[in-house]
């Protein structure tokens, strides 16, 4: 198999550091960089494979959301009784049922 040369540019301190690491690993600089790049590519591909299903779900949800028509929210203060109960229940979860009707920004 024919080899291809790739030229890279880097700072001298980076080159020195790579040379030292390659030497400690018992490799020449080319073999060391190929090994490091190959390992990084394998790691990236494994992560992409692991999250491919989640990425597909997110993409489908985003496409579905983009196709929805925006709903017009009722003007503030016009909550239904059911919505009012849901808000009260949520506030109970956050502040506790003994909150004495305290609201964010108000004294209890």
Protein backbone atom coordinates (compact mmCIF):
# COMPACT_ATOMS: atom_id res chain seq x y z
CA UNK A 1 0.00 0.00 0.00
CA UNK A 2 1.37 3.40 -0.97
CA UNK A 3 1.83 5.93 1.78
CA UNK A 4 0.68 9.53 1.61
CA UNK A 5 2.53 12.42 3.18
CA UNK A 6 0.58 15.00 5.18
CA UNK A 7 2.32 18.17 6.23
CA UNK A 8 1.29 19.93 9.44
CA UNK A 9 2.37 23.19 11.02
CA UNK A 10 2.64 23.65 14.76
CA UNK A 11 4.43 25.68 17.37
CA UNK A 12 7.96 24.56 18.28
CA UNK A 13 6.95 23.75 21.88
CA UNK A 14 4.19 21.49 20.56
CA UNK A 15 6.63 19.72 18.21
CA UNK A 16 9.10 19.21 21.08
CA UNK A 17 6.38 17.78 23.28
CA UNK A 18 5.21 15.40 20.54
CA UNK A 19 8.80 14.26 19.92
CA UNK A 20 9.28 13.52 23.65
CA UNK A 21 6.02 11.57 23.87
CA UNK A 22 6.82 9.62 20.72
CA UNK A 23 10.25 8.74 22.07
CA UNK A 24 8.77 7.56 25.40
CA UNK A 25 6.30 5.41 23.45
CA UNK A 26 9.14 3.92 21.39
CA UNK A 27 7.71 5.30 18.14
CA UNK A 28 8.88 7.72 15.53
CA UNK A 29 6.88 10.94 15.28
CA UNK A 30 4.89 9.79 12.24
CA UNK A 31 3.84 6.51 13.85
CA UNK A 32 3.00 8.31 17.10
CA UNK A 33 0.79 10.88 15.35
CA UNK A 34 -0.94 8.20 13.25
CA UNK A 35 -1.60 6.18 16.40
CA UNK A 36 -2.98 9.23 18.27
CA UNK A 37 -5.18 10.31 15.37
CA UNK A 38 -6.48 6.78 14.79
CA UNK A 39 -7.32 6.38 18.48
CA UNK A 40 -9.13 9.75 18.49
CA UNK A 41 -11.13 8.84 15.38
CA UNK A 42 -12.18 5.50 16.91
CA UNK A 43 -13.29 7.27 20.10
CA UNK A 44 -15.27 9.88 18.16
CA UNK A 45 -16.96 7.22 16.01
CA UNK A 46 -17.87 5.16 19.10
CA UNK A 47 -19.46 8.21 20.72
CA UNK A 48 -21.35 9.07 17.53
CA UNK A 49 -22.61 5.47 17.28
CA UNK A 50 -23.67 5.46 20.93
CA UNK A 51 -25.71 8.65 20.55
CA UNK A 52 -27.05 8.04 17.03
CA UNK A 53 -30.44 6.91 18.36
CA UNK A 54 -30.80 9.94 20.61
CA UNK A 55 -29.68 12.25 17.82
CA UNK A 56 -32.34 10.74 15.54
CA UNK A 57 -35.05 11.26 18.18
CA UNK A 58 -33.98 14.87 18.67
CA UNK A 59 -33.94 15.51 14.92
CA UNK A 60 -37.43 14.02 14.55
CA UNK A 61 -38.76 16.09 17.47
CA UNK A 62 -37.23 19.26 16.03
CA UNK A 63 -38.76 18.55 12.62
CA UNK A 64 -42.14 17.88 14.22
CA UNK A 65 -41.92 21.08 16.26
CA UNK A 66 -40.98 23.11 13.19
CA UNK A 67 -44.09 21.84 11.40
CA UNK A 68 -46.44 22.93 14.20
CA UNK A 69 -48.33 26.17 13.95
CA UNK A 70 -47.69 28.44 16.89
CA UNK A 71 -50.54 28.54 19.34
CA UNK A 72 -51.77 31.85 20.57
CA UNK A 73 -51.57 31.93 24.33
CA UNK A 74 -54.51 33.34 26.23
CA UNK A 75 -53.87 36.80 27.63
CA UNK A 76 -52.31 36.81 31.10
CA UNK A 77 -54.83 36.50 33.88
CA UNK A 78 -57.26 34.40 31.86
CA UNK A 79 -56.39 30.95 33.14
CA UNK A 80 -58.99 28.27 33.23
CA UNK A 81 -59.83 26.77 36.61
CA UNK A 82 -57.87 23.62 35.65
CA UNK A 83 -54.82 25.72 34.64
CA UNK A 84 -55.05 27.67 37.92
CA UNK A 85 -55.07 24.40 39.91
CA UNK A 86 -52.05 23.14 37.93
CA UNK A 87 -50.14 26.35 38.66
CA UNK A 88 -51.00 26.13 42.35
CA UNK A 89 -49.89 22.49 42.42
CA UNK A 90 -46.59 23.39 40.74
CA UNK A 91 -45.99 26.20 43.21
CA UNK A 92 -46.72 23.78 46.07
CA UNK A 93 -44.01 21.48 44.70
CA UNK A 94 -41.50 24.33 44.54
CA UNK A 95 -42.31 26.25 47.71
CA UNK A 96 -44.20 23.65 49.74
CA UNK A 97 -47.90 23.66 50.62
CA UNK A 98 -47.25 25.89 53.67
CA UNK A 99 -45.94 28.76 51.58
CA UNK A 100 -48.78 31.06 52.78
CA UNK A 101 -49.48 31.93 49.16
CA UNK A 102 -46.02 33.50 48.71
CA UNK A 103 -45.06 34.20 45.12
CA UNK A 104 -41.59 34.74 43.69
CA UNK A 105 -40.56 38.29 44.40
CA UNK A 106 -43.15 38.72 47.17
CA UNK A 107 -42.68 38.51 50.90
CA UNK A 108 -44.14 35.39 52.48
